[in-house]
PDB file of N, CA and C in Angstrom:
ATOM      1  N   MET A   1     133.294 156.628 110.306  1.00  0.00           N
ATOM      2  CA  MET A   1     133.990 155.549 109.666  1.00  0.00           C
ATOM      3  C   MET A   1     134.240 155.919 108.213  1.00  0.00           C
ATOM      4  N   LYS A   2     135.451 155.730 107.752  1.00  0.00           N
ATOM      5  CA  LYS A   2     135.799 156.048 106.380  1.00  0.00           C
ATOM      6  C   LYS A   2     135.807 154.761 105.557  1.00  0.00           C
ATOM      7  N   ILE A   3     135.075 154.784 104.469  1.00  0.00           N
ATOM      8  CA  ILE A   3     135.042 153.633 103.578  1.00  0.00           C
ATOM      9  C   ILE A   3     136.021 153.901 102.450  1.00  0.00           C
ATOM     10  N   SER A   4     137.034 153.051 102.342  1.00  0.00           N
ATOM     11  CA  SER A   4     138.084 153.305 101.359  1.00  0.00           C
ATOM     12  C   SER A   4     137.899 152.521 100.067  1.00  0.00           C
ATOM     13  N   LYS A   5     137.077 151.483 100.071  1.00  0.00           N
ATOM     14  CA  LYS A   5     136.927 150.662  98.878  1.00  0.00           C
ATOM     15  C   LYS A   5     135.492 150.173  98.755  1.00  0.00           C
ATOM     16  N   GLU A   6     134.946 150.345  97.569  1.00  0.00           N
ATOM     17  CA  GLU A   6     133.614 149.826  97.303  1.00  0.00           C
ATOM     18  C   GLU A   6     133.753 148.497  96.579  1.00  0.00           C
ATOM     19  N   GLU A   7     132.929 147.552  96.950  1.00  0.00           N
ATOM     20  CA  GLU A   7     132.925 146.265  96.273  1.00  0.00           C
ATOM     21  C   GLU A   7     131.533 145.995  95.734  1.00  0.00           C
ATOM     22  N   CYS A   8     131.475 145.122  94.775  1.00  0.00           N
ATOM     23  CA  CYS A   8     130.199 144.718  94.198  1.00  0.00           C
ATOM     24  C   CYS A   8     129.348 144.055  95.279  1.00  0.00           C
ATOM     25  N   LEU A   9     128.088 144.446  95.355  1.00  0.00           N
ATOM     26  CA  LEU A   9     127.193 143.880  96.368  1.00  0.00           C
ATOM     27  C   LEU A   9     127.061 142.369  96.234  1.00  0.00           C
ATOM     28  N   ASN A  10     127.018 141.898  95.005  1.00  0.00           N
ATOM     29  CA  ASN A  10     126.885 140.456  94.799  1.00  0.00           C
ATOM     30  C   ASN A  10     128.094 139.715  95.343  1.00  0.00           C
ATOM     31  N   LEU A  11     129.285 140.302  95.195  1.00  0.00           N
ATOM     32  CA  LEU A  11     130.503 139.677  95.705  1.00  0.00           C
ATOM     33  C   LEU A  11     130.483 139.628  97.232  1.00  0.00           C
ATOM     34  N   VAL A  12     130.015 140.696  97.853  1.00  0.00           N
ATOM     35  CA  VAL A  12     129.933 140.736  99.318  1.00  0.00           C
ATOM     36  C   VAL A  12     128.950 139.679  99.819  1.00  0.00           C
ATOM     37  N   ALA A  13     127.790 139.576  99.168  1.00  0.00           N
ATOM     38  CA  ALA A  13     126.799 138.568  99.558  1.00  0.00           C
ATOM     39  C   ALA A  13     127.345 137.161  99.331  1.00  0.00           C
ATOM     40  N   LYS A  14     128.084 136.986  98.242  1.00  0.00           N
ATOM     41  CA  LYS A  14     128.682 135.680  97.949  1.00  0.00           C
ATOM     42  C   LYS A  14     129.699 135.301  99.022  1.00  0.00           C
ATOM     43  N   ARG A  15     130.482 136.280  99.470  1.00  0.00           N
ATOM     44  CA  ARG A  15     131.464 136.018 100.527  1.00  0.00           C
ATOM     45  C   ARG A  15     130.783 135.598 101.827  1.00  0.00           C
ATOM     46  N   LEU A  16     129.661 136.227 102.145  1.00  0.00           N
ATOM     47  CA  LEU A  16     128.913 135.841 103.342  1.00  0.00           C
ATOM     48  C   LEU A  16     128.439 134.396 103.230  1.00  0.00           C
ATOM     49  N   GLY A  17     127.845 134.048 102.088  1.00  0.00           N
ATOM     50  CA  GLY A  17     127.369 132.685 101.882  1.00  0.00           C
ATOM     51  C   GLY A  17     128.496 131.670 101.948  1.00  0.00           C
ATOM     52  N   THR A  18     129.637 131.999 101.345  1.00  0.00           N
ATOM     53  CA  THR A  18     130.794 131.099 101.373  1.00  0.00           C
ATOM     54  C   THR A  18     131.314 130.932 102.791  1.00  0.00           C
ATOM     55  N   GLY A  19     131.369 132.019 103.536  1.00  0.00           N
ATOM     56  CA  GLY A  19     131.825 131.948 104.927  1.00  0.00           C
ATOM     57  C   GLY A  19     130.924 131.071 105.780  1.00  0.00           C
ATOM     58  N   LEU A  20     129.612 131.203 105.592  1.00  0.00           N
ATOM     59  CA  LEU A  20     128.663 130.374 106.346  1.00  0.00           C
ATOM     60  C   LEU A  20     128.783 128.900 105.956  1.00  0.00           C
ATOM     61  N   ARG A  21     128.930 128.640 104.649  1.00  0.00           N
ATOM     62  CA  ARG A  21     129.096 127.246 104.204  1.00  0.00           C
ATOM     63  C   ARG A  21     130.364 126.628 104.777  1.00  0.00           C
ATOM     64  N   ASN A  22     131.448 127.404 104.808  1.00  0.00           N
ATOM     65  CA  ASN A  22     132.707 126.906 105.376  1.00  0.00           C
ATOM     66  C   ASN A  22     132.564 126.609 106.865  1.00  0.00           C
ATOM     67  N   LYS A  23     131.830 127.455 107.586  1.00  0.00           N
ATOM     68  CA  LYS A  23     131.589 127.210 109.014  1.00  0.00           C
ATOM     69  C   LYS A  23     130.794 125.923 109.216  1.00  0.00           C
ATOM     70  N   ILE A  24     129.800 125.702 108.375  1.00  0.00           N
ATOM     71  CA  ILE A  24     128.997 124.481 108.478  1.00  0.00           C
ATOM     72  C   ILE A  24     129.875 123.259 108.251  1.00  0.00           C
ATOM     73  N   LYS A  25     130.752 123.315 107.238  1.00  0.00           N
ATOM     74  CA  LYS A  25     131.671 122.196 106.978  1.00  0.00           C
ATOM     75  C   LYS A  25     132.595 121.967 108.167  1.00  0.00           C
ATOM     76  N   GLU A  26     133.079 123.060 108.756  1.00  0.00           N
ATOM     77  CA  GLU A  26     133.966 122.958 109.920  1.00  0.00           C
ATOM     78  C   GLU A  26     133.240 122.296 111.094  1.00  0.00           C
ATOM     79  N   TRP A  27     132.003 122.705 111.343  1.00  0.00           N
ATOM     80  CA  TRP A  27     131.234 122.130 112.448  1.00  0.00           C
ATOM     81  C   TRP A  27     130.932 120.657 112.197  1.00  0.00           C
ATOM     82  N   ARG A  28     130.608 120.320 110.945  1.00  0.00           N
ATOM     83  CA  ARG A  28     130.313 118.916 110.622  1.00  0.00           C
ATOM     84  C   ARG A  28     131.539 118.038 110.835  1.00  0.00           C
ATOM     85  N   SER A  29     132.728 118.565 110.536  1.00  0.00           N
ATOM     86  CA  SER A  29     133.951 117.781 110.743  1.00  0.00           C
ATOM     87  C   SER A  29     134.194 117.519 112.228  1.00  0.00           C
ATOM     88  N   LYS A  30     133.631 118.371 113.088  1.00  0.00           N
ATOM     89  CA  LYS A  30     133.741 118.179 114.541  1.00  0.00           C
ATOM     90  C   LYS A  30     132.535 117.414 115.084  1.00  0.00           C
ATOM     91  N   CYS A  31     131.741 116.844 114.176  1.00  0.00           N
ATOM     92  CA  CYS A  31     130.534 116.074 114.522  1.00  0.00           C
ATOM     93  C   CYS A  31     129.473 116.918 115.225  1.00  0.00           C
ATOM     94  N   VAL A  32     129.405 118.188 114.899  1.00  0.00           N
ATOM     95  CA  VAL A  32     128.356 119.063 115.412  1.00  0.00           C
ATOM     96  C   VAL A  32     127.426 119.359 114.245  1.00  0.00           C
ATOM     97  N   THR A  33     126.150 119.020 114.397  1.00  0.00           N
ATOM     98  CA  THR A  33     125.206 119.261 113.308  1.00  0.00           C
ATOM     99  C   THR A  33     124.482 120.574 113.528  1.00  0.00           C
ATOM    100  N   ASN A  34     123.866 121.058 112.475  1.00  0.00           N
ATOM    101  CA  ASN A  34     123.150 122.330 112.553  1.00  0.00           C
ATOM    102  C   ASN A  34     121.645 122.138 112.477  1.00  0.00           C
ATOM    103  N   GLY A  35     121.163 120.983 112.875  1.00  0.00           N
ATOM    104  CA  GLY A  35     119.728 120.760 112.904  1.00  0.00           C
ATOM    105  C   GLY A  35     119.244 119.776 111.867  1.00  0.00           C
ATOM    106  N   GLY A  36     120.105 119.355 110.972  1.00  0.00           N
ATOM    107  CA  GLY A  36     119.707 118.380 109.961  1.00  0.00           C
ATOM    108  C   GLY A  36     118.661 118.921 109.025  1.00  0.00           C
ATOM    109  N   ARG A  37     117.511 118.273 108.980  1.00  0.00           N
ATOM    110  CA  ARG A  37     116.453 118.683 108.054  1.00  0.00           C
ATOM    111  C   ARG A  37     115.322 119.423 108.753  1.00  0.00           C
ATOM    112  N   LYS A  38     115.537 119.830 109.977  1.00  0.00           N
ATOM    113  CA  LYS A  38     114.502 120.578 110.695  1.00  0.00           C
ATOM    114  C   LYS A  38     114.194 121.875 109.963  1.00  0.00           C
ATOM    115  N   GLU A  39     113.056 122.431 110.294  1.00  0.00           N
ATOM    116  CA  GLU A  39     112.606 123.649 109.627  1.00  0.00           C
ATOM    117  C   GLU A  39     113.546 124.826 109.885  1.00  0.00           C
ATOM    118  N   GLU A  40     114.116 124.912 111.083  1.00  0.00           N
ATOM    119  CA  GLU A  40     114.960 126.052 111.441  1.00  0.00           C
ATOM    120  C   GLU A  40     116.435 125.844 111.110  1.00  0.00           C
ATOM    121  N   SER A  41     116.791 124.731 110.497  1.00  0.00           N
ATOM    122  CA  SER A  41     118.206 124.427 110.262  1.00  0.00           C
ATOM    123  C   SER A  41     118.788 125.298 109.148  1.00  0.00           C
ATOM    124  N   LEU A  42     120.096 125.345 109.104  1.00  0.00           N
ATOM    125  CA  LEU A  42     120.800 126.161 108.119  1.00  0.00           C
ATOM    126  C   LEU A  42     120.985 125.354 106.840  1.00  0.00           C
ATOM    127  N   LYS A  43     119.976 125.325 106.008  1.00  0.00           N
ATOM    128  CA  LYS A  43     120.038 124.620 104.736  1.00  0.00           C
ATOM    129  C   LYS A  43     120.553 125.581 103.672  1.00  0.00           C
ATOM    130  N   GLU A  44     120.823 125.042 102.498  1.00  0.00           N
ATOM    131  CA  GLU A  44     121.332 125.853 101.390  1.00  0.00           C
ATOM    132  C   GLU A  44     120.360 126.977 101.034  1.00  0.00           C
ATOM    133  N   SER A  45     119.071 126.679 101.028  1.00  0.00           N
ATOM    134  CA  SER A  45     118.079 127.708 100.697  1.00  0.00           C
ATOM    135  C   SER A  45     118.068 128.822 101.745  1.00  0.00           C
ATOM    136  N   THR A  46     118.264 128.458 103.008  1.00  0.00           N
ATOM    137  CA  THR A  46     118.312 129.457 104.084  1.00  0.00           C
ATOM    138  C   THR A  46     119.544 130.340 103.937  1.00  0.00           C
ATOM    139  N   LEU A  47     120.680 129.731 103.609  1.00  0.00           N
ATOM    140  CA  LEU A  47     121.907 130.506 103.398  1.00  0.00           C
ATOM    141  C   LEU A  47     121.737 131.486 102.245  1.00  0.00           C
ATOM    142  N   PHE A  48     121.114 131.022 101.173  1.00  0.00           N
ATOM    143  CA  PHE A  48     120.886 131.872 100.008  1.00  0.00           C
ATOM    144  C   PHE A  48     119.997 133.061 100.373  1.00  0.00           C
ATOM    145  N   LYS A  49     118.933 132.803 101.124  1.00  0.00           N
ATOM    146  CA  LYS A  49     118.018 133.874 101.518  1.00  0.00           C
ATOM    147  C   LYS A  49     118.703 134.882 102.437  1.00  0.00           C
ATOM    148  N   HIS A  50     119.525 134.376 103.357  1.00  0.00           N
ATOM    149  CA  HIS A  50     120.220 135.294 104.261  1.00  0.00           C
ATOM    150  C   HIS A  50     121.240 136.148 103.527  1.00  0.00           C
ATOM    151  N   SER A  51     121.923 135.584 102.554  1.00  0.00           N
ATOM    152  CA  SER A  51     122.871 136.399 101.796  1.00  0.00           C
ATOM    153  C   SER A  51     122.124 137.436 100.962  1.00  0.00           C
ATOM    154  N   ASN A  52     120.915 137.099 100.495  1.00  0.00           N
ATOM    155  CA  ASN A  52     120.103 138.091  99.785  1.00  0.00           C
ATOM    156  C   ASN A  52     119.601 139.183 100.722  1.00  0.00           C
ATOM    157  N   PHE A  53     119.190 138.804 101.945  1.00  0.00           N
ATOM    158  CA  PHE A  53     118.792 139.811 102.940  1.00  0.00           C
ATOM    159  C   PHE A  53     119.948 140.760 103.218  1.00  0.00           C
ATOM    160  N   TYR A  54     121.131 140.189 103.351  1.00  0.00           N
ATOM    161  CA  TYR A  54     122.350 140.953 103.637  1.00  0.00           C
ATOM    162  C   TYR A  54     122.632 141.942 102.502  1.00  0.00           C
ATOM    163  N   ARG A  55     122.555 141.446 101.263  1.00  0.00           N
ATOM    164  CA  ARG A  55     122.799 142.295 100.095  1.00  0.00           C
ATOM    165  C   ARG A  55     121.767 143.413 100.021  1.00  0.00           C
ATOM    166  N   LYS A  56     120.499 143.087 100.257  1.00  0.00           N
ATOM    167  CA  LYS A  56     119.440 144.100 100.199  1.00  0.00           C
ATOM    168  C   LYS A  56     119.605 145.151 101.294  1.00  0.00           C
ATOM    169  N   ALA A  57     120.012 144.714 102.483  1.00  0.00           N
ATOM    170  CA  ALA A  57     120.220 145.660 103.589  1.00  0.00           C
ATOM    171  C   ALA A  57     121.320 146.654 103.246  1.00  0.00           C
ATOM    172  N   ILE A  58     122.364 146.184 102.596  1.00  0.00           N
ATOM    173  CA  ILE A  58     123.452 147.082 102.197  1.00  0.00           C
ATOM    174  C   ILE A  58     122.987 148.004 101.079  1.00  0.00           C
ATOM    175  N   LYS A  59     122.340 147.434 100.072  1.00  0.00           N
ATOM    176  CA  LYS A  59     121.910 148.203  98.901  1.00  0.00           C
ATOM    177  C   LYS A  59     120.928 149.312  99.272  1.00  0.00           C
ATOM    178  N   ASP A  60     119.984 149.010 100.143  1.00  0.00           N
ATOM    179  CA  ASP A  60     118.950 149.983 100.499  1.00  0.00           C
ATOM    180  C   ASP A  60     119.455 151.103 101.402  1.00  0.00           C
ATOM    181  N   ASN A  61     120.617 150.922 102.035  1.00  0.00           N
ATOM    182  CA  ASN A  61     121.127 151.916 102.982  1.00  0.00           C
ATOM    183  C   ASN A  61     122.545 152.356 102.630  1.00  0.00           C
ATOM    184  N   VAL A  62     122.854 152.423 101.340  1.00  0.00           N
ATOM    185  CA  VAL A  62     124.215 152.651 100.865  1.00  0.00           C
ATOM    186  C   VAL A  62     124.949 153.832 101.487  1.00  0.00           C
ATOM    187  N   PRO A  63     124.416 155.016 101.576  1.00  0.00           N
ATOM    188  CA  PRO A  63     125.266 156.094 102.090  1.00  0.00           C
ATOM    189  C   PRO A  63     125.489 156.068 103.601  1.00  0.00           C
ATOM    190  N   ASP A  64     124.596 155.459 104.351  1.00  0.00           N
ATOM    191  CA  ASP A  64     124.658 155.522 105.812  1.00  0.00           C
ATOM    192  C   ASP A  64     125.074 154.176 106.407  1.00  0.00           C
ATOM    193  N   VAL A  65     126.286 154.101 106.943  1.00  0.00           N
ATOM    194  CA  VAL A  65     126.832 152.852 107.476  1.00  0.00           C
ATOM    195  C   VAL A  65     126.040 152.376 108.692  1.00  0.00           C
ATOM    196  N   GLN A  66     125.622 153.279 109.560  1.00  0.00           N
ATOM    197  CA  GLN A  66     124.877 152.882 110.755  1.00  0.00           C
ATOM    198  C   GLN A  66     123.529 152.260 110.384  1.00  0.00           C
ATOM    199  N   LYS A  67     122.841 152.845 109.407  1.00  0.00           N
ATOM    200  CA  LYS A  67     121.576 152.269 108.948  1.00  0.00           C
ATOM    201  C   LYS A  67     121.809 150.901 108.315  1.00  0.00           C
ATOM    202  N   MET A  68     122.945 150.767 107.622  1.00  0.00           N
ATOM    203  CA  MET A  68     123.310 149.487 107.019  1.00  0.00           C
ATOM    204  C   MET A  68     123.434 148.406 108.084  1.00  0.00           C
ATOM    205  N   LYS A  69     124.186 148.718 109.136  1.00  0.00           N
ATOM    206  CA  LYS A  69     124.392 147.759 110.224  1.00  0.00           C
ATOM    207  C   LYS A  69     123.066 147.390 110.879  1.00  0.00           C
ATOM    208  N   THR A  70     122.233 148.390 111.119  1.00  0.00           N
ATOM    209  CA  THR A  70     120.934 148.143 111.739  1.00  0.00           C
ATOM    210  C   THR A  70     120.082 147.240 110.854  1.00  0.00           C
ATOM    211  N   ALA A  71     120.058 147.515 109.556  1.00  0.00           N
ATOM    212  CA  ALA A  71     119.256 146.714 108.628  1.00  0.00           C
ATOM    213  C   ALA A  71     119.748 145.274 108.557  1.00  0.00           C
ATOM    214  N   ILE A  72     121.053 145.073 108.630  1.00  0.00           N
ATOM    215  CA  ILE A  72     121.615 143.718 108.609  1.00  0.00           C
ATOM    216  C   ILE A  72     121.173 142.951 109.849  1.00  0.00           C
ATOM    217  N   PHE A  73     121.264 143.588 111.017  1.00  0.00           N
ATOM    218  CA  PHE A  73     120.842 142.923 112.252  1.00  0.00           C
ATOM    219  C   PHE A  73     119.335 142.686 112.278  1.00  0.00           C
ATOM    220  N   VAL A  74     118.566 143.621 111.742  1.00  0.00           N
ATOM    221  CA  VAL A  74     117.114 143.460 111.697  1.00  0.00           C
ATOM    222  C   VAL A  74     116.747 142.236 110.871  1.00  0.00           C
ATOM    223  N   SER A  75     117.439 142.027 109.742  1.00  0.00           N
ATOM    224  CA  SER A  75     117.136 140.849 108.919  1.00  0.00           C
ATOM    225  C   SER A  75     117.462 139.559 109.663  1.00  0.00           C
ATOM    226  N   LEU A  76     118.500 139.575 110.476  1.00  0.00           N
ATOM    227  CA  LEU A  76     118.840 138.400 111.279  1.00  0.00           C
ATOM    228  C   LEU A  76     117.811 138.183 112.391  1.00  0.00           C
ATOM    229  N   PHE A  77     117.430 139.262 113.079  1.00  0.00           N
ATOM    230  CA  PHE A  77     116.433 139.160 114.138  1.00  0.00           C
ATOM    231  C   PHE A  77     115.085 138.703 113.579  1.00  0.00           C
ATOM    232  N   HIS A  78     114.771 139.156 112.380  1.00  0.00           N
ATOM    233  CA  HIS A  78     113.498 138.812 111.745  1.00  0.00           C
ATOM    234  C   HIS A  78     113.347 137.304 111.607  1.00  0.00           C
ATOM    235  N   THR A  79     114.406 136.630 111.199  1.00  0.00           N
ATOM    236  CA  THR A  79     114.310 135.192 110.966  1.00  0.00           C
ATOM    237  C   THR A  79     114.482 134.369 112.235  1.00  0.00           C
ATOM    238  N   SER A  80     115.021 134.958 113.296  1.00  0.00           N
ATOM    239  CA  SER A  80     115.209 134.188 114.526  1.00  0.00           C
ATOM    240  C   SER A  80     114.200 134.550 115.611  1.00  0.00           C
ATOM    241  N   SER A  81     113.246 135.405 115.314  1.00  0.00           N
ATOM    242  CA  SER A  81     112.224 135.811 116.268  1.00  0.00           C
ATOM    243  C   SER A  81     111.163 134.720 116.409  1.00  0.00           C
ATOM    244  N   THR A  82     110.698 134.494 117.632  1.00  0.00           N
ATOM    245  CA  THR A  82     109.655 133.498 117.899  1.00  0.00           C
ATOM    246  C   THR A  82     108.556 134.125 118.750  1.00  0.00           C
ATOM    247  N   ASP A  83     107.471 133.384 118.944  1.00  0.00           N
ATOM    248  CA  ASP A  83     106.386 133.876 119.796  1.00  0.00           C
ATOM    249  C   ASP A  83     106.848 133.999 121.247  1.00  0.00           C
ATOM    250  N   LYS A  84     107.668 133.047 121.693  1.00  0.00           N
ATOM    251  CA  LYS A  84     108.140 133.060 123.081  1.00  0.00           C
ATOM    252  C   LYS A  84     109.229 134.094 123.310  1.00  0.00           C
ATOM    253  N   ALA A  85     110.048 134.346 122.301  1.00  0.00           N
ATOM    254  CA  ALA A  85     111.144 135.311 122.427  1.00  0.00           C
ATOM    255  C   ALA A  85     111.145 136.253 121.224  1.00  0.00           C
ATOM    256  N   PRO A  86     110.197 137.204 121.186  1.00  0.00           N
ATOM    257  CA  PRO A  86     110.156 138.123 120.051  1.00  0.00           C
ATOM    258  C   PRO A  86     111.343 139.087 120.073  1.00  0.00           C
ATOM    259  N   MET A  87     111.841 139.411 118.902  1.00  0.00           N
ATOM    260  CA  MET A  87     112.988 140.322 118.787  1.00  0.00           C
ATOM    261  C   MET A  87     112.582 141.494 117.899  1.00  0.00           C
ATOM    262  N   TYR A  88     111.998 142.496 118.498  1.00  0.00           N
ATOM    263  CA  TYR A  88     111.476 143.620 117.733  1.00  0.00           C
ATOM    264  C   TYR A  88     112.176 144.933 118.045  1.00  0.00           C
ATOM    265  N   ASN A  89     113.328 144.903 118.646  1.00  0.00           N
ATOM    266  CA  ASN A  89     113.982 146.125 119.109  1.00  0.00           C
ATOM    267  C   ASN A  89     114.240 147.133 118.000  1.00  0.00           C
ATOM    268  N   GLU A  90     114.702 146.677 116.858  1.00  0.00           N
ATOM    269  CA  GLU A  90     115.125 147.591 115.804  1.00  0.00           C
ATOM    270  C   GLU A  90     114.147 147.684 114.640  1.00  0.00           C
ATOM    271  N   PHE A  91     113.040 146.956 114.695  1.00  0.00           N
ATOM    272  CA  PHE A  91     112.130 146.936 113.564  1.00  0.00           C
ATOM    273  C   PHE A  91     111.429 148.270 113.399  1.00  0.00           C
ATOM    274  N   PRO A  92     111.157 148.646 112.143  1.00  0.00           N
ATOM    275  CA  PRO A  92     110.324 149.824 111.929  1.00  0.00           C
ATOM    276  C   PRO A  92     108.925 149.551 112.475  1.00  0.00           C
ATOM    277  N   THR A  93     108.291 150.567 113.023  1.00  0.00           N
ATOM    278  CA  THR A  93     106.986 150.371 113.652  1.00  0.00           C
ATOM    279  C   THR A  93     105.893 151.050 112.839  1.00  0.00           C
ATOM    280  N   GLY A  94     104.662 150.764 113.195  1.00  0.00           N
ATOM    281  CA  GLY A  94     103.522 151.398 112.555  1.00  0.00           C
ATOM    282  C   GLY A  94     102.870 150.519 111.505  1.00  0.00           C
ATOM    283  N   LEU A  95     101.811 151.036 110.913  1.00  0.00           N
ATOM    284  CA  LEU A  95     101.065 150.285 109.909  1.00  0.00           C
ATOM    285  C   LEU A  95     101.862 150.048 108.637  1.00  0.00           C
ATOM    286  N   THR A  96     102.831 150.901 108.345  1.00  0.00           N
ATOM    287  CA  THR A  96     103.598 150.778 107.106  1.00  0.00           C
ATOM    288  C   THR A  96     104.842 149.913 107.263  1.00  0.00           C
ATOM    289  N   SER A  97     105.038 149.301 108.425  1.00  0.00           N
ATOM    290  CA  SER A  97     106.211 148.463 108.665  1.00  0.00           C
ATOM    291  C   SER A  97     106.177 147.230 107.775  1.00  0.00           C
ATOM    292  N   TRP A  98     107.342 146.821 107.256  1.00  0.00           N
ATOM    293  CA  TRP A  98     107.420 145.601 106.453  1.00  0.00           C
ATOM    294  C   TRP A  98     107.335 144.363 107.330  1.00  0.00           C
ATOM    295  N   ARG A  99     107.550 144.519 108.628  1.00  0.00           N
ATOM    296  CA  ARG A  99     107.512 143.404 109.568  1.00  0.00           C
ATOM    297  C   ARG A  99     106.059 143.078 109.855  1.00  0.00           C
ATOM    298  N   PHE A 100     105.609 141.850 109.497  1.00  0.00           N
ATOM    299  CA  PHE A 100     104.187 141.515 109.599  1.00  0.00           C
ATOM    300  C   PHE A 100     103.662 141.689 111.017  1.00  0.00           C
ATOM    301  N   TYR A 101     104.463 141.361 112.028  1.00  0.00           N
ATOM    302  CA  TYR A 101     103.992 141.439 113.409  1.00  0.00           C
ATOM    303  C   TYR A 101     103.754 142.891 113.810  1.00  0.00           C
ATOM    304  N   GLN A 102     104.663 143.781 113.414  1.00  0.00           N
ATOM    305  CA  GLN A 102     104.515 145.190 113.789  1.00  0.00           C
ATOM    306  C   GLN A 102     103.266 145.798 113.160  1.00  0.00           C
ATOM    307  N   SER A 103     103.071 145.576 111.868  1.00  0.00           N
ATOM    308  CA  SER A 103     101.889 146.151 111.224  1.00  0.00           C
ATOM    309  C   SER A 103     100.608 145.508 111.755  1.00  0.00           C
ATOM    310  N   ALA A 104     100.639 144.200 112.002  1.00  0.00           N
ATOM    311  CA  ALA A 104      99.464 143.516 112.556  1.00  0.00           C
ATOM    312  C   ALA A 104      99.173 143.992 113.972  1.00  0.00           C
ATOM    313  N   PHE A 105     100.226 144.272 114.737  1.00  0.00           N
ATOM    314  CA  PHE A 105     100.049 144.756 116.104  1.00  0.00           C
ATOM    315  C   PHE A 105      99.305 146.087 116.108  1.00  0.00           C
ATOM    316  N   TYR A 106      99.688 146.997 115.224  1.00  0.00           N
ATOM    317  CA  TYR A 106      99.025 148.291 115.174  1.00  0.00           C
ATOM    318  C   TYR A 106      97.619 148.179 114.597  1.00  0.00           C
ATOM    319  N   GLN A 107      97.416 147.261 113.646  1.00  0.00           N
ATOM    320  CA  GLN A 107      96.082 147.039 113.103  1.00  0.00           C
ATOM    321  C   GLN A 107      95.174 146.402 114.139  1.00  0.00           C
ATOM    322  N   SER A 108      95.718 145.426 114.878  1.00  0.00           N
ATOM    323  CA  SER A 108      94.900 144.696 115.847  1.00  0.00           C
ATOM    324  C   SER A 108      94.513 145.553 117.040  1.00  0.00           C
ATOM    325  N   ALA A 109      95.278 146.588 117.318  1.00  0.00           N
ATOM    326  CA  ALA A 109      94.942 147.470 118.433  1.00  0.00           C
ATOM    327  C   ALA A 109      93.586 148.129 118.195  1.00  0.00           C
ATOM    328  N   SER A 110      93.304 148.440 116.932  1.00  0.00           N
ATOM    329  CA  SER A 110      92.020 149.068 116.627  1.00  0.00           C
ATOM    330  C   SER A 110      90.909 148.035 116.418  1.00  0.00           C
ATOM    331  N   ASN A 111      91.281 146.793 116.039  1.00  0.00           N
ATOM    332  CA  ASN A 111      90.278 145.756 115.767  1.00  0.00           C
ATOM    333  C   ASN A 111      90.101 144.759 116.907  1.00  0.00           C
ATOM    334  N   ASN A 112      90.865 144.901 117.983  1.00  0.00           N
ATOM    335  CA  ASN A 112      90.847 143.968 119.117  1.00  0.00           C
ATOM    336  C   ASN A 112      91.149 142.528 118.692  1.00  0.00           C
ATOM    337  N   GLU A 113      92.115 142.351 117.792  1.00  0.00           N
ATOM    338  CA  GLU A 113      92.541 141.030 117.336  1.00  0.00           C
ATOM    339  C   GLU A 113      93.996 140.819 117.731  1.00  0.00           C
ATOM    340  N   ASN A 114      94.425 139.554 117.734  1.00  0.00           N
ATOM    341  CA  ASN A 114      95.822 139.237 118.005  1.00  0.00           C
ATOM    342  C   ASN A 114      96.592 139.112 116.696  1.00  0.00           C
ATOM    343  N   PRO A 115      97.861 139.528 116.683  1.00  0.00           N
ATOM    344  CA  PRO A 115      98.671 139.349 115.476  1.00  0.00           C
ATOM    345  C   PRO A 115      98.906 137.869 115.193  1.00  0.00           C
ATOM    346  N   LYS A 116      99.261 137.542 113.946  1.00  0.00           N
ATOM    347  CA  LYS A 116      99.532 136.157 113.555  1.00  0.00           C
ATOM    348  C   LYS A 116     100.722 135.605 114.326  1.00  0.00           C
ATOM    349  N   SER A 117     100.749 134.296 114.438  1.00  0.00           N
ATOM    350  CA  SER A 117     101.841 133.611 115.121  1.00  0.00           C
ATOM    351  C   SER A 117     103.084 133.562 114.236  1.00  0.00           C
ATOM    352  N   HIS A 118     104.245 133.404 114.873  1.00  0.00           N
ATOM    353  CA  HIS A 118     105.492 133.269 114.125  1.00  0.00           C
ATOM    354  C   HIS A 118     105.554 131.954 113.362  1.00  0.00           C
ATOM    355  N   SER A 119     104.703 131.010 113.722  1.00  0.00           N
ATOM    356  CA  SER A 119     104.715 129.720 113.032  1.00  0.00           C
ATOM    357  C   SER A 119     104.302 129.856 111.573  1.00  0.00           C
ATOM    358  N   SER A 120     103.684 130.974 111.208  1.00  0.00           N
ATOM    359  CA  SER A 120     103.290 131.188 109.818  1.00  0.00           C
ATOM    360  C   SER A 120     104.413 131.785 108.976  1.00  0.00           C
ATOM    361  N   MET A 121     105.560 132.071 109.594  1.00  0.00           N
ATOM    362  CA  MET A 121     106.701 132.614 108.845  1.00  0.00           C
ATOM    363  C   MET A 121     107.259 131.569 107.895  1.00  0.00           C
ATOM    364  N   LYS A 122     107.706 131.997 106.722  1.00  0.00           N
ATOM    365  CA  LYS A 122     108.271 131.062 105.753  1.00  0.00           C
ATOM    366  C   LYS A 122     109.756 130.833 105.991  1.00  0.00           C
ATOM    367  N   ARG A 123     110.472 131.841 106.465  1.00  0.00           N
ATOM    368  CA  ARG A 123     111.912 131.720 106.679  1.00  0.00           C
ATOM    369  C   ARG A 123     112.200 131.838 108.163  1.00  0.00           C
ATOM    370  N   LYS A 124     112.640 130.739 108.761  1.00  0.00           N
ATOM    371  CA  LYS A 124     112.939 130.730 110.189  1.00  0.00           C
ATOM    372  C   LYS A 124     114.384 130.326 110.393  1.00  0.00           C
ATOM    373  N   LEU A 125     114.930 130.743 111.498  1.00  0.00           N
ATOM    374  CA  LEU A 125     116.298 130.373 111.843  1.00  0.00           C
ATOM    375  C   LEU A 125     116.354 130.176 113.341  1.00  0.00           C
ATOM    376  N   SER A 126     116.808 129.019 113.779  1.00  0.00           N
ATOM    377  CA  SER A 126     116.905 128.776 115.215  1.00  0.00           C
ATOM    378  C   SER A 126     118.145 129.453 115.755  1.00  0.00           C
ATOM    379  N   LYS A 127     118.152 129.696 117.067  1.00  0.00           N
ATOM    380  CA  LYS A 127     119.294 130.366 117.688  1.00  0.00           C
ATOM    381  C   LYS A 127     120.478 129.453 117.763  1.00  0.00           C
TER     382      LYS A 127
END
C-alpha cells in the first residue's frame, strides 16, 4: 500500500471522534439509543478514549501499515472483550504483554491462580 499523504495524528483522531459523534446523532434521530448511561454505552469520555487509542496505535506503528491496522483492532477488541466472550486473537502474549489478562494468564500458570475478571476493567464497550 502506498501512502501518498501524511496528516497530523491529532487531526485523524479528531475525525474519528467527529464521525462517531455524528453516527450517534444519526441513530438518536431514528430513536435508537446507544445504551444511555450504562457502563458500556458510548459516552463522550468513551469516544475521547477511543480516539486516543486510535491515535496511539497509529503513532506507535508509523512505518508499518499492517501493524497499525492490527493495533487499531486490538484497541477495539480490548474494550469490547468480556469474560464470556474473550477477544484475545491479536493481543501480544507473555508476561510483558500490556493486556492485563494475557500477563495474568502467564503469571497464574505458575501460581495456580485465575486471572482477574473483565468487570475490573475501567474502559468497557458493549457490542
